[in-house]
Amino acid sequence: MAQEAIWPGSGSAVHQDSGSTPFGFYDTESDFQSDAPKFATWCAKRMGYPITAVELQDTQFYACLEESITEYSAQVNQFNIKDNLLSLKGQSTSSNLTHKRICRFSNLVVKLNCLYSK
């Protein structure tokens, strides 16, 4: 049986076509490329490295980071959908709101500003 790889103390660099993550969603992003090795080192230290041998490879840490970013993004999007639902009720169904910021209660703010400016 082959010896399992043990954490060497630092993660290797993430490159665009390196296959460092299962889906490669963020492999081309410069922030991910620079932060993934730091994240892997931080996680290994939280797991007890260097006192405890961490039997994980850098690509396994990168896979967890990729999954956590994707999950967090999905949860933020779900919250924004629910949060903006009341503001969008009654608008035309042909409105294209893709990649647009929804201003909640904009009419109320304008009315209050008009009252205070008089």
PDB file of N, CA and C in Angstrom:
ATOM      1  N   MET A   1       0.842  -1.175   0.000  1.00  0.00           N
ATOM      2  CA  MET A   1       0.000   0.000   0.000  1.00  0.00           C
ATOM      3  C   MET A   1       0.887   1.238   0.000  1.00  0.00           C
ATOM      4  N   ALA A   2       0.529   2.217  -0.827  1.00  0.00           N
ATOM      5  CA  ALA A   2       1.315   3.440  -0.943  1.00  0.00           C
ATOM      6  C   ALA A   2       1.124   4.318   0.283  1.00  0.00           C
ATOM      7  N   GLN A   3       2.168   5.041   0.619  1.00  0.00           N
ATOM      8  CA  GLN A   3       2.125   5.971   1.742  1.00  0.00           C
ATOM      9  C   GLN A   3       1.242   7.160   1.385  1.00  0.00           C
ATOM     10  N   GLU A   4       0.311   7.496   2.251  1.00  0.00           N
ATOM     11  CA  GLU A   4      -0.546   8.655   2.038  1.00  0.00           C
ATOM     12  C   GLU A   4       0.274   9.932   2.139  1.00  0.00           C
ATOM     13  N   ALA A   5      -0.067  10.896   1.283  1.00  0.00           N
ATOM     14  CA  ALA A   5       0.646  12.176   1.318  1.00  0.00           C
ATOM     15  C   ALA A   5       0.292  12.933   2.586  1.00  0.00           C
ATOM     16  N   ILE A   6       1.271  13.511   3.213  1.00  0.00           N
ATOM     17  CA  ILE A   6       1.078  14.314   4.416  1.00  0.00           C
ATOM     18  C   ILE A   6       1.382  15.765   4.058  1.00  0.00           C
ATOM     19  N   TRP A   7       0.644  16.689   4.645  1.00  0.00           N
ATOM     20  CA  TRP A   7       0.797  18.122   4.363  1.00  0.00           C
ATOM     21  C   TRP A   7       2.264  18.531   4.490  1.00  0.00           C
ATOM     22  N   PRO A   8       2.840  19.123   3.429  1.00  0.00           N
ATOM     23  CA  PRO A   8       4.256  19.493   3.469  1.00  0.00           C
ATOM     24  C   PRO A   8       4.547  20.808   4.192  1.00  0.00           C
ATOM     25  N   GLY A   9       3.521  21.583   4.521  1.00  0.00           N
ATOM     26  CA  GLY A   9       3.742  22.836   5.217  1.00  0.00           C
ATOM     27  C   GLY A   9       3.338  24.053   4.427  1.00  0.00           C
ATOM     28  N   SER A  10       3.113  23.893   3.135  1.00  0.00           N
ATOM     29  CA  SER A  10       2.626  25.000   2.316  1.00  0.00           C
ATOM     30  C   SER A  10       1.936  24.431   1.083  1.00  0.00           C
ATOM     31  N   GLY A  11       1.009  25.225   0.552  1.00  0.00           N
ATOM     32  CA  GLY A  11       0.271  24.781  -0.621  1.00  0.00           C
ATOM     33  C   GLY A  11       0.960  25.210  -1.898  1.00  0.00           C
ATOM     34  N   SER A  12       0.755  24.442  -2.941  1.00  0.00           N
ATOM     35  CA  SER A  12       1.315  24.821  -4.235  1.00  0.00           C
ATOM     36  C   SER A  12       0.414  25.859  -4.886  1.00  0.00           C
ATOM     37  N   ALA A  13       0.952  26.525  -5.861  1.00  0.00           N
ATOM     38  CA  ALA A  13       0.207  27.582  -6.542  1.00  0.00           C
ATOM     39  C   ALA A  13      -0.946  26.990  -7.348  1.00  0.00           C
ATOM     40  N   VAL A  14      -2.019  27.746  -7.441  1.00  0.00           N
ATOM     41  CA  VAL A  14      -3.168  27.353  -8.250  1.00  0.00           C
ATOM     42  C   VAL A  14      -2.990  27.981  -9.617  1.00  0.00           C
ATOM     43  N   HIS A  15      -3.002  27.148 -10.659  1.00  0.00           N
ATOM     44  CA  HIS A  15      -2.872  27.656 -12.020  1.00  0.00           C
ATOM     45  C   HIS A  15      -4.141  27.340 -12.792  1.00  0.00           C
ATOM     46  N   GLN A  16      -4.338  28.060 -13.872  1.00  0.00           N
ATOM     47  CA  GLN A  16      -5.573  27.988 -14.635  1.00  0.00           C
ATOM     48  C   GLN A  16      -5.921  26.567 -15.068  1.00  0.00           C
ATOM     49  N   ASP A  17      -4.988  25.838 -15.615  1.00  0.00           N
ATOM     50  CA  ASP A  17      -5.275  24.498 -16.127  1.00  0.00           C
ATOM     51  C   ASP A  17      -4.606  23.411 -15.300  1.00  0.00           C
ATOM     52  N   SER A  18      -4.380  23.680 -14.020  1.00  0.00           N
ATOM     53  CA  SER A  18      -3.657  22.725 -13.189  1.00  0.00           C
ATOM     54  C   SER A  18      -4.553  21.637 -12.620  1.00  0.00           C
ATOM     55  N   GLY A  19      -5.880  21.828 -12.666  1.00  0.00           N
ATOM     56  CA  GLY A  19      -6.776  20.849 -12.075  1.00  0.00           C
ATOM     57  C   GLY A  19      -6.704  20.864 -10.557  1.00  0.00           C
ATOM     58  N   SER A  20      -6.400  22.025  -9.973  1.00  0.00           N
ATOM     59  CA  SER A  20      -6.257  22.132  -8.524  1.00  0.00           C
ATOM     60  C   SER A  20      -7.588  22.018  -7.797  1.00  0.00           C
ATOM     61  N   THR A  21      -8.676  22.302  -8.491  1.00  0.00           N
ATOM     62  CA  THR A  21     -10.001  22.218  -7.876  1.00  0.00           C
ATOM     63  C   THR A  21     -10.884  21.315  -8.734  1.00  0.00           C
ATOM     64  N   PRO A  22     -11.902  20.708  -8.143  1.00  0.00           N
ATOM     65  CA  PRO A  22     -12.733  19.770  -8.896  1.00  0.00           C
ATOM     66  C   PRO A  22     -13.460  20.386 -10.097  1.00  0.00           C
ATOM     67  N   PHE A  23     -13.992  21.594  -9.924  1.00  0.00           N
ATOM     68  CA  PHE A  23     -14.788  22.190 -10.987  1.00  0.00           C
ATOM     69  C   PHE A  23     -14.090  23.346 -11.697  1.00  0.00           C
ATOM     70  N   GLY A  24     -13.066  23.904 -11.096  1.00  0.00           N
ATOM     71  CA  GLY A  24     -12.310  24.974 -11.726  1.00  0.00           C
ATOM     72  C   GLY A  24     -13.064  26.280 -11.847  1.00  0.00           C
ATOM     73  N   PHE A  25     -14.081  26.492 -10.985  1.00  0.00           N
ATOM     74  CA  PHE A  25     -14.880  27.711 -11.062  1.00  0.00           C
ATOM     75  C   PHE A  25     -14.028  28.969 -10.876  1.00  0.00           C
ATOM     76  N   TYR A  26     -13.056  28.908  -9.984  1.00  0.00           N
ATOM     77  CA  TYR A  26     -12.313  30.111  -9.602  1.00  0.00           C
ATOM     78  C   TYR A  26     -10.820  30.015  -9.927  1.00  0.00           C
ATOM     79  N   ASP A  27     -10.413  28.997 -10.649  1.00  0.00           N
ATOM     80  CA  ASP A  27      -8.988  28.791 -10.935  1.00  0.00           C
ATOM     81  C   ASP A  27      -8.362  29.949 -11.705  1.00  0.00           C
ATOM     82  N   THR A  28      -9.141  30.652 -12.500  1.00  0.00           N
ATOM     83  CA  THR A  28      -8.600  31.752 -13.299  1.00  0.00           C
ATOM     84  C   THR A  28      -8.599  33.085 -12.562  1.00  0.00           C
ATOM     85  N   GLU A  29      -9.229  33.141 -11.395  1.00  0.00           N
ATOM     86  CA  GLU A  29      -9.309  34.392 -10.640  1.00  0.00           C
ATOM     87  C   GLU A  29      -8.022  34.626  -9.855  1.00  0.00           C
ATOM     88  N   SER A  30      -7.468  35.815  -9.988  1.00  0.00           N
ATOM     89  CA  SER A  30      -6.192  36.119  -9.329  1.00  0.00           C
ATOM     90  C   SER A  30      -6.310  36.082  -7.806  1.00  0.00           C
ATOM     91  N   ASP A  31      -7.447  36.524  -7.260  1.00  0.00           N
ATOM     92  CA  ASP A  31      -7.640  36.472  -5.804  1.00  0.00           C
ATOM     93  C   ASP A  31      -7.619  35.031  -5.301  1.00  0.00           C
ATOM     94  N   PHE A  32      -8.282  34.150  -6.026  1.00  0.00           N
ATOM     95  CA  PHE A  32      -8.306  32.746  -5.624  1.00  0.00           C
ATOM     96  C   PHE A  32      -6.905  32.140  -5.728  1.00  0.00           C
ATOM     97  N   GLN A  33      -6.199  32.467  -6.783  1.00  0.00           N
ATOM     98  CA  GLN A  33      -4.854  31.925  -6.970  1.00  0.00           C
ATOM     99  C   GLN A  33      -3.911  32.355  -5.851  1.00  0.00           C
ATOM    100  N   SER A  34      -4.053  33.587  -5.385  1.00  0.00           N
ATOM    101  CA  SER A  34      -3.151  34.063  -4.331  1.00  0.00           C
ATOM    102  C   SER A  34      -3.622  33.653  -2.936  1.00  0.00           C
ATOM    103  N   ASP A  35      -4.935  33.542  -2.729  1.00  0.00           N
ATOM    104  CA  ASP A  35      -5.458  33.250  -1.392  1.00  0.00           C
ATOM    105  C   ASP A  35      -5.589  31.762  -1.083  1.00  0.00           C
ATOM    106  N   ALA A  36      -5.714  30.919  -2.093  1.00  0.00           N
ATOM    107  CA  ALA A  36      -5.905  29.482  -1.844  1.00  0.00           C
ATOM    108  C   ALA A  36      -4.735  28.859  -1.079  1.00  0.00           C
ATOM    109  N   PRO A  37      -3.479  29.121  -1.446  1.00  0.00           N
ATOM    110  CA  PRO A  37      -2.386  28.555  -0.640  1.00  0.00           C
ATOM    111  C   PRO A  37      -2.375  29.081   0.800  1.00  0.00           C
ATOM    112  N   LYS A  38      -2.732  30.347   0.989  1.00  0.00           N
ATOM    113  CA  LYS A  38      -2.809  30.914   2.342  1.00  0.00           C
ATOM    114  C   LYS A  38      -3.924  30.226   3.140  1.00  0.00           C
ATOM    115  N   PHE A  39      -5.040  29.991   2.477  1.00  0.00           N
ATOM    116  CA  PHE A  39      -6.162  29.307   3.113  1.00  0.00           C
ATOM    117  C   PHE A  39      -5.763  27.893   3.525  1.00  0.00           C
ATOM    118  N   ALA A  40      -5.054  27.200   2.638  1.00  0.00           N
ATOM    119  CA  ALA A  40      -4.633  25.827   2.937  1.00  0.00           C
ATOM    120  C   ALA A  40      -3.687  25.804   4.136  1.00  0.00           C
ATOM    121  N   THR A  41      -2.770  26.745   4.183  1.00  0.00           N
ATOM    122  CA  THR A  41      -1.836  26.825   5.308  1.00  0.00           C
ATOM    123  C   THR A  41      -2.586  27.130   6.600  1.00  0.00           C
ATOM    124  N   TRP A  42      -3.519  28.059   6.550  1.00  0.00           N
ATOM    125  CA  TRP A  42      -4.317  28.406   7.734  1.00  0.00           C
ATOM    126  C   TRP A  42      -5.106  27.200   8.231  1.00  0.00           C
ATOM    127  N   CYS A  43      -5.757  26.482   7.303  1.00  0.00           N
ATOM    128  CA  CYS A  43      -6.548  25.307   7.698  1.00  0.00           C
ATOM    129  C   CYS A  43      -5.671  24.229   8.320  1.00  0.00           C
ATOM    130  N   ALA A  44      -4.498  24.000   7.728  1.00  0.00           N
ATOM    131  CA  ALA A  44      -3.597  22.973   8.274  1.00  0.00           C
ATOM    132  C   ALA A  44      -3.168  23.338   9.687  1.00  0.00           C
ATOM    133  N   LYS A  45      -2.889  24.611   9.917  1.00  0.00           N
ATOM    134  CA  LYS A  45      -2.512  25.050  11.271  1.00  0.00           C
ATOM    135  C   LYS A  45      -3.672  24.893  12.239  1.00  0.00           C
ATOM    136  N   ARG A  46      -4.900  25.162  11.786  1.00  0.00           N
ATOM    137  CA  ARG A  46      -6.077  24.989  12.640  1.00  0.00           C
ATOM    138  C   ARG A  46      -6.294  23.519  12.984  1.00  0.00           C
ATOM    139  N   MET A  47      -5.798  22.621  12.120  1.00  0.00           N
ATOM    140  CA  MET A  47      -5.947  21.180  12.348  1.00  0.00           C
ATOM    141  C   MET A  47      -4.782  20.606  13.154  1.00  0.00           C
ATOM    142  N   GLY A  48      -3.830  21.462  13.540  1.00  0.00           N
ATOM    143  CA  GLY A  48      -2.754  21.008  14.412  1.00  0.00           C
ATOM    144  C   GLY A  48      -1.381  20.928  13.795  1.00  0.00           C
ATOM    145  N   TYR A  49      -1.231  21.282  12.516  1.00  0.00           N
ATOM    146  CA  TYR A  49       0.083  21.264  11.893  1.00  0.00           C
ATOM    147  C   TYR A  49       0.940  22.347  12.535  1.00  0.00           C
ATOM    148  N   PRO A  50       2.165  22.145  12.832  1.00  0.00           N
ATOM    149  CA  PRO A  50       3.084  21.059  12.502  1.00  0.00           C
ATOM    150  C   PRO A  50       3.187  19.977  13.577  1.00  0.00           C
ATOM    151  N   ILE A  51       2.486  20.140  14.692  1.00  0.00           N
ATOM    152  CA  ILE A  51       2.567  19.135  15.755  1.00  0.00           C
ATOM    153  C   ILE A  51       1.888  17.838  15.320  1.00  0.00           C
ATOM    154  N   THR A  52       0.742  17.974  14.666  1.00  0.00           N
ATOM    155  CA  THR A  52       0.001  16.815  14.174  1.00  0.00           C
ATOM    156  C   THR A  52       0.196  16.702  12.673  1.00  0.00           C
ATOM    157  N   ALA A  53       0.443  15.498  12.193  1.00  0.00           N
ATOM    158  CA  ALA A  53       0.564  15.276  10.750  1.00  0.00           C
ATOM    159  C   ALA A  53      -0.828  15.384  10.125  1.00  0.00           C
ATOM    160  N   VAL A  54      -0.968  16.284   9.178  1.00  0.00           N
ATOM    161  CA  VAL A  54      -2.244  16.488   8.482  1.00  0.00           C
ATOM    162  C   VAL A  54      -2.189  15.688   7.191  1.00  0.00           C
ATOM    163  N   GLU A  55      -3.015  14.671   7.097  1.00  0.00           N
ATOM    164  CA  GLU A  55      -2.984  13.781   5.939  1.00  0.00           C
ATOM    165  C   GLU A  55      -3.940  14.256   4.861  1.00  0.00           C
ATOM    166  N   LEU A  56      -3.745  15.485   4.455  1.00  0.00           N
ATOM    167  CA  LEU A  56      -4.494  16.085   3.355  1.00  0.00           C
ATOM    168  C   LEU A  56      -3.504  16.734   2.401  1.00  0.00           C
ATOM    169  N   GLN A  57      -3.900  16.833   1.149  1.00  0.00           N
ATOM    170  CA  GLN A  57      -3.075  17.506   0.150  1.00  0.00           C
ATOM    171  C   GLN A  57      -3.644  18.885  -0.120  1.00  0.00           C
ATOM    172  N   ASP A  58      -2.832  19.739  -0.726  1.00  0.00           N
ATOM    173  CA  ASP A  58      -3.288  21.107  -0.994  1.00  0.00           C
ATOM    174  C   ASP A  58      -4.533  21.132  -1.870  1.00  0.00           C
ATOM    175  N   THR A  59      -4.642  20.213  -2.816  1.00  0.00           N
ATOM    176  CA  THR A  59      -5.818  20.218  -3.702  1.00  0.00           C
ATOM    177  C   THR A  59      -7.098  19.913  -2.936  1.00  0.00           C
ATOM    178  N   GLN A  60      -7.000  19.154  -1.857  1.00  0.00           N
ATOM    179  CA  GLN A  60      -8.182  18.893  -1.036  1.00  0.00           C
ATOM    180  C   GLN A  60      -8.618  20.142  -0.280  1.00  0.00           C
ATOM    181  N   PHE A  61      -7.663  20.929   0.190  1.00  0.00           N
ATOM    182  CA  PHE A  61      -8.000  22.209   0.815  1.00  0.00           C
ATOM    183  C   PHE A  61      -8.632  23.152  -0.213  1.00  0.00           C
ATOM    184  N   TYR A  62      -8.063  23.178  -1.432  1.00  0.00           N
ATOM    185  CA  TYR A  62      -8.586  24.061  -2.483  1.00  0.00           C
ATOM    186  C   TYR A  62     -10.005  23.664  -2.868  1.00  0.00           C
ATOM    187  N   ALA A  63     -10.288  22.363  -2.884  1.00  0.00           N
ATOM    188  CA  ALA A  63     -11.643  21.894  -3.189  1.00  0.00           C
ATOM    189  C   ALA A  63     -12.628  22.389  -2.136  1.00  0.00           C
ATOM    190  N   CYS A  64     -12.222  22.356  -0.871  1.00  0.00           N
ATOM    191  CA  CYS A  64     -13.091  22.858   0.209  1.00  0.00           C
ATOM    192  C   CYS A  64     -13.314  24.360   0.083  1.00  0.00           C
ATOM    193  N   LEU A  65     -12.268  25.097  -0.289  1.00  0.00           N
ATOM    194  CA  LEU A  65     -12.408  26.546  -0.468  1.00  0.00           C
ATOM    195  C   LEU A  65     -13.350  26.845  -1.629  1.00  0.00           C
ATOM    196  N   GLU A  66     -13.201  26.125  -2.722  1.00  0.00           N
ATOM    197  CA  GLU A  66     -14.080  26.324  -3.873  1.00  0.00           C
ATOM    198  C   GLU A  66     -15.537  26.048  -3.489  1.00  0.00           C
ATOM    199  N   GLU A  67     -15.770  24.972  -2.761  1.00  0.00           N
ATOM    200  CA  GLU A  67     -17.127  24.631  -2.344  1.00  0.00           C
ATOM    201  C   GLU A  67     -17.696  25.681  -1.391  1.00  0.00           C
ATOM    202  N   SER A  68     -16.871  26.166  -0.460  1.00  0.00           N
ATOM    203  CA  SER A  68     -17.375  27.145   0.502  1.00  0.00           C
ATOM    204  C   SER A  68     -17.702  28.482  -0.170  1.00  0.00           C
ATOM    205  N   ILE A  69     -16.898  28.900  -1.137  1.00  0.00           N
ATOM    206  CA  ILE A  69     -17.194  30.142  -1.863  1.00  0.00           C
ATOM    207  C   ILE A  69     -18.496  30.012  -2.636  1.00  0.00           C
ATOM    208  N   THR A  70     -18.672  28.880  -3.297  1.00  0.00           N
ATOM    209  CA  THR A  70     -19.876  28.652  -4.083  1.00  0.00           C
ATOM    210  C   THR A  70     -21.107  28.593  -3.194  1.00  0.00           C
ATOM    211  N   GLU A  71     -21.009  27.915  -2.055  1.00  0.00           N
ATOM    212  CA  GLU A  71     -22.137  27.807  -1.117  1.00  0.00           C
ATOM    213  C   GLU A  71     -22.490  29.173  -0.529  1.00  0.00           C
ATOM    214  N   TYR A  72     -21.480  29.942  -0.135  1.00  0.00           N
ATOM    215  CA  TYR A  72     -21.731  31.271   0.423  1.00  0.00           C
ATOM    216  C   TYR A  72     -22.413  32.160  -0.617  1.00  0.00           C
ATOM    217  N   SER A  73     -21.934  32.106  -1.850  1.00  0.00           N
ATOM    218  CA  SER A  73     -22.531  32.901  -2.917  1.00  0.00           C
ATOM    219  C   SER A  73     -23.994  32.523  -3.131  1.00  0.00           C
ATOM    220  N   ALA A  74     -24.281  31.234  -3.096  1.00  0.00           N
ATOM    221  CA  ALA A  74     -25.663  30.780  -3.274  1.00  0.00           C
ATOM    222  C   ALA A  74     -26.552  31.282  -2.138  1.00  0.00           C
ATOM    223  N   GLN A  75     -26.042  31.249  -0.906  1.00  0.00           N
ATOM    224  CA  GLN A  75     -26.839  31.714   0.222  1.00  0.00           C
ATOM    225  C   GLN A  75     -27.085  33.221   0.163  1.00  0.00           C
ATOM    226  N   VAL A  76     -26.083  33.989  -0.247  1.00  0.00           N
ATOM    227  CA  VAL A  76     -26.261  35.439  -0.396  1.00  0.00           C
ATOM    228  C   VAL A  76     -27.297  35.725  -1.482  1.00  0.00           C
ATOM    229  N   ASN A  77     -27.214  35.000  -2.588  1.00  0.00           N
ATOM    230  CA  ASN A  77     -28.186  35.206  -3.664  1.00  0.00           C
ATOM    231  C   ASN A  77     -29.597  34.857  -3.217  1.00  0.00           C
ATOM    232  N   GLN A  78     -29.761  33.769  -2.464  1.00  0.00           N
ATOM    233  CA  GLN A  78     -31.081  33.394  -1.964  1.00  0.00           C
ATOM    234  C   GLN A  78     -31.638  34.462  -1.023  1.00  0.00           C
ATOM    235  N   PHE A  79     -30.783  34.997  -0.162  1.00  0.00           N
ATOM    236  CA  PHE A  79     -31.224  36.063   0.744  1.00  0.00           C
ATOM    237  C   PHE A  79     -31.669  37.286  -0.057  1.00  0.00           C
ATOM    238  N   ASN A  80     -30.883  37.678  -1.051  1.00  0.00           N
ATOM    239  CA  ASN A  80     -31.228  38.853  -1.856  1.00  0.00           C
ATOM    240  C   ASN A  80     -32.524  38.655  -2.624  1.00  0.00           C
ATOM    241  N   ILE A  81     -32.760  37.437  -3.098  1.00  0.00           N
ATOM    242  CA  ILE A  81     -34.014  37.155  -3.804  1.00  0.00           C
ATOM    243  C   ILE A  81     -35.196  37.368  -2.865  1.00  0.00           C
ATOM    244  N   LYS A  82     -35.117  36.793  -1.671  1.00  0.00           N
ATOM    245  CA  LYS A  82     -36.211  36.938  -0.700  1.00  0.00           C
ATOM    246  C   LYS A  82     -36.361  38.386  -0.245  1.00  0.00           C
ATOM    247  N   ASP A  83     -35.232  39.061  -0.063  1.00  0.00           N
ATOM    248  CA  ASP A  83     -35.247  40.432   0.424  1.00  0.00           C
ATOM    249  C   ASP A  83     -35.861  41.387  -0.592  1.00  0.00           C
ATOM    250  N   ASN A  84     -35.638  41.121  -1.863  1.00  0.00           N
ATOM    251  CA  ASN A  84     -36.119  42.025  -2.913  1.00  0.00           C
ATOM    252  C   ASN A  84     -37.504  41.666  -3.427  1.00  0.00           C
ATOM    253  N   LEU A  85     -38.048  40.552  -2.983  1.00  0.00           N
ATOM    254  CA  LEU A  85     -39.334  40.102  -3.507  1.00  0.00           C
ATOM    255  C   LEU A  85     -40.437  41.130  -3.278  1.00  0.00           C
ATOM    256  N   LEU A  86     -40.520  41.690  -2.071  1.00  0.00           N
ATOM    257  CA  LEU A  86     -41.577  42.665  -1.792  1.00  0.00           C
ATOM    258  C   LEU A  86     -41.426  43.936  -2.612  1.00  0.00           C
ATOM    259  N   SER A  87     -40.186  44.321  -2.887  1.00  0.00           N
ATOM    260  CA  SER A  87     -39.963  45.532  -3.678  1.00  0.00           C
ATOM    261  C   SER A  87     -40.370  45.345  -5.134  1.00  0.00           C
ATOM    262  N   LEU A  88     -40.327  44.115  -5.599  1.00  0.00           N
ATOM    263  CA  LEU A  88     -40.601  43.855  -7.010  1.00  0.00           C
ATOM    264  C   LEU A  88     -42.047  43.474  -7.293  1.00  0.00           C
ATOM    265  N   LYS A  89     -42.814  43.208  -6.247  1.00  0.00           N
ATOM    266  CA  LYS A  89     -44.215  42.835  -6.457  1.00  0.00           C
ATOM    267  C   LYS A  89     -44.956  43.985  -7.108  1.00  0.00           C
ATOM    268  N   GLY A  90     -45.728  43.648  -8.136  1.00  0.00           N
ATOM    269  CA  GLY A  90     -46.520  44.647  -8.828  1.00  0.00           C
ATOM    270  C   GLY A  90     -45.832  45.235 -10.052  1.00  0.00           C
ATOM    271  N   GLN A  91     -44.556  44.951 -10.234  1.00  0.00           N
ATOM    272  CA  GLN A  91     -43.865  45.455 -11.427  1.00  0.00           C
ATOM    273  C   GLN A  91     -44.176  44.562 -12.617  1.00  0.00           C
ATOM    274  N   SER A  92     -43.927  45.096 -13.772  1.00  0.00           N
ATOM    275  CA  SER A  92     -44.163  44.356 -14.998  1.00  0.00           C
ATOM    276  C   SER A  92     -43.300  43.103 -15.031  1.00  0.00           C
ATOM    277  N   THR A  93     -43.873  42.015 -15.531  1.00  0.00           N
ATOM    278  CA  THR A  93     -43.108  40.767 -15.615  1.00  0.00           C
ATOM    279  C   THR A  93     -42.080  40.808 -16.734  1.00  0.00           C
ATOM    280  N   SER A  94     -42.150  41.821 -17.580  1.00  0.00           N
ATOM    281  CA  SER A  94     -41.165  41.929 -18.663  1.00  0.00           C
ATOM    282  C   SER A  94     -39.940  42.740 -18.245  1.00  0.00           C
ATOM    283  N   SER A  95     -39.879  43.145 -16.971  1.00  0.00           N
ATOM    284  CA  SER A  95     -38.732  43.908 -16.481  1.00  0.00           C
ATOM    285  C   SER A  95     -37.505  43.015 -16.451  1.00  0.00           C
ATOM    286  N   ASN A  96     -36.405  43.501 -17.018  1.00  0.00           N
ATOM    287  CA  ASN A  96     -35.147  42.756 -16.990  1.00  0.00           C
ATOM    288  C   ASN A  96     -34.285  43.340 -15.870  1.00  0.00           C
ATOM    289  N   LEU A  97     -34.160  42.607 -14.787  1.00  0.00           N
ATOM    290  CA  LEU A  97     -33.421  43.087 -13.623  1.00  0.00           C
ATOM    291  C   LEU A  97     -32.115  42.327 -13.420  1.00  0.00           C
ATOM    292  N   THR A  98     -31.657  41.640 -14.453  1.00  0.00           N
ATOM    293  CA  THR A  98     -30.427  40.869 -14.349  1.00  0.00           C
ATOM    294  C   THR A  98     -29.248  41.803 -14.114  1.00  0.00           C
ATOM    295  N   HIS A  99     -28.443  41.516 -13.087  1.00  0.00           N
ATOM    296  CA  HIS A  99     -27.248  42.285 -12.716  1.00  0.00           C
ATOM    297  C   HIS A  99     -27.574  43.743 -12.383  1.00  0.00           C
ATOM    298  N   LYS A 100     -28.760  43.986 -11.883  1.00  0.00           N
ATOM    299  CA  LYS A 100     -29.133  45.342 -11.489  1.00  0.00           C
ATOM    300  C   LYS A 100     -29.397  45.372  -9.998  1.00  0.00           C
ATOM    301  N   ARG A 101     -28.992  46.450  -9.369  1.00  0.00           N
ATOM    302  CA  ARG A 101     -29.212  46.618  -7.937  1.00  0.00           C
ATOM    303  C   ARG A 101     -30.635  47.114  -7.719  1.00  0.00           C
ATOM    304  N   ILE A 102     -31.325  46.478  -6.817  1.00  0.00           N
ATOM    305  CA  ILE A 102     -32.700  46.844  -6.516  1.00  0.00           C
ATOM    306  C   ILE A 102     -32.680  47.834  -5.358  1.00  0.00           C
ATOM    307  N   CYS A 103     -33.241  49.011  -5.592  1.00  0.00           N
ATOM    308  CA  CYS A 103     -33.314  50.028  -4.541  1.00  0.00           C
ATOM    309  C   CYS A 103     -34.655  49.870  -3.842  1.00  0.00           C
ATOM    310  N   ARG A 104     -34.593  49.418  -2.609  1.00  0.00           N
ATOM    311  CA  ARG A 104     -35.826  49.223  -1.861  1.00  0.00           C
ATOM    312  C   ARG A 104     -36.305  50.558  -1.301  1.00  0.00           C
ATOM    313  N   PHE A 105     -37.599  50.728  -1.314  1.00  0.00           N
ATOM    314  CA  PHE A 105     -38.251  51.894  -0.709  1.00  0.00           C
ATOM    315  C   PHE A 105     -37.727  53.220  -1.273  1.00  0.00           C
ATOM    316  N   SER A 106     -37.365  53.249  -2.549  1.00  0.00           N
ATOM    317  CA  SER A 106     -36.828  54.486  -3.114  1.00  0.00           C
ATOM    318  C   SER A 106     -37.882  55.596  -3.128  1.00  0.00           C
ATOM    319  N   ASN A 107     -39.147  55.249  -3.353  1.00  0.00           N
ATOM    320  CA  ASN A 107     -40.185  56.283  -3.355  1.00  0.00           C
ATOM    321  C   ASN A 107     -40.346  56.898  -1.970  1.00  0.00           C
ATOM    322  N   LEU A 108     -40.265  56.071  -0.933  1.00  0.00           N
ATOM    323  CA  LEU A 108     -40.394  56.559   0.435  1.00  0.00           C
ATOM    324  C   LEU A 108     -39.256  57.517   0.784  1.00  0.00           C
ATOM    325  N   VAL A 109     -38.052  57.207   0.358  1.00  0.00           N
ATOM    326  CA  VAL A 109     -36.906  58.070   0.639  1.00  0.00           C
ATOM    327  C   VAL A 109     -37.077  59.419  -0.044  1.00  0.00           C
ATOM    328  N   VAL A 110     -37.538  59.406  -1.285  1.00  0.00           N
ATOM    329  CA  VAL A 110     -37.755  60.658  -2.022  1.00  0.00           C
ATOM    330  C   VAL A 110     -38.825  61.492  -1.328  1.00  0.00           C
ATOM    331  N   LYS A 111     -39.902  60.845  -0.878  1.00  0.00           N
ATOM    332  CA  LYS A 111     -40.977  61.572  -0.193  1.00  0.00           C
ATOM    333  C   LYS A 111     -40.475  62.187   1.111  1.00  0.00           C
ATOM    334  N   LEU A 112     -39.692  61.444   1.864  1.00  0.00           N
ATOM    335  CA  LEU A 112     -39.159  61.966   3.118  1.00  0.00           C
ATOM    336  C   LEU A 112     -38.200  63.118   2.857  1.00  0.00           C
ATOM    337  N   ASN A 113     -37.365  63.010   1.829  1.00  0.00           N
ATOM    338  CA  ASN A 113     -36.453  64.101   1.495  1.00  0.00           C
ATOM    339  C   ASN A 113     -37.233  65.352   1.103  1.00  0.00           C
ATOM    340  N   CYS A 114     -38.312  65.184   0.372  1.00  0.00           N
ATOM    341  CA  CYS A 114     -39.115  66.348  -0.024  1.00  0.00           C
ATOM    342  C   CYS A 114     -39.733  67.022   1.195  1.00  0.00           C
ATOM    343  N   LEU A 115     -40.187  66.212   2.157  1.00  0.00           N
ATOM    344  CA  LEU A 115     -40.780  66.790   3.365  1.00  0.00           C
ATOM    345  C   LEU A 115     -39.769  67.580   4.170  1.00  0.00           C
ATOM    346  N   TYR A 116     -38.541  67.091   4.287  1.00  0.00           N
ATOM    347  CA  TYR A 116     -37.526  67.773   5.089  1.00  0.00           C
ATOM    348  C   TYR A 116     -36.915  68.963   4.348  1.00  0.00           C
ATOM    349  N   SER A 117     -37.000  68.984   3.018  1.00  0.00           N
ATOM    350  CA  SER A 117     -36.370  70.093   2.291  1.00  0.00           C
ATOM    351  C   SER A 117     -37.253  71.337   2.257  1.00  0.00           C
ATOM    352  N   LYS A 118     -38.525  71.229   2.662  1.00  0.00           N
ATOM    353  CA  LYS A 118     -39.429  72.386   2.634  1.00  0.00           C
ATOM    354  C   LYS A 118     -39.297  73.221   3.864  1.00  0.00           C
TER     355      LYS A 118
END
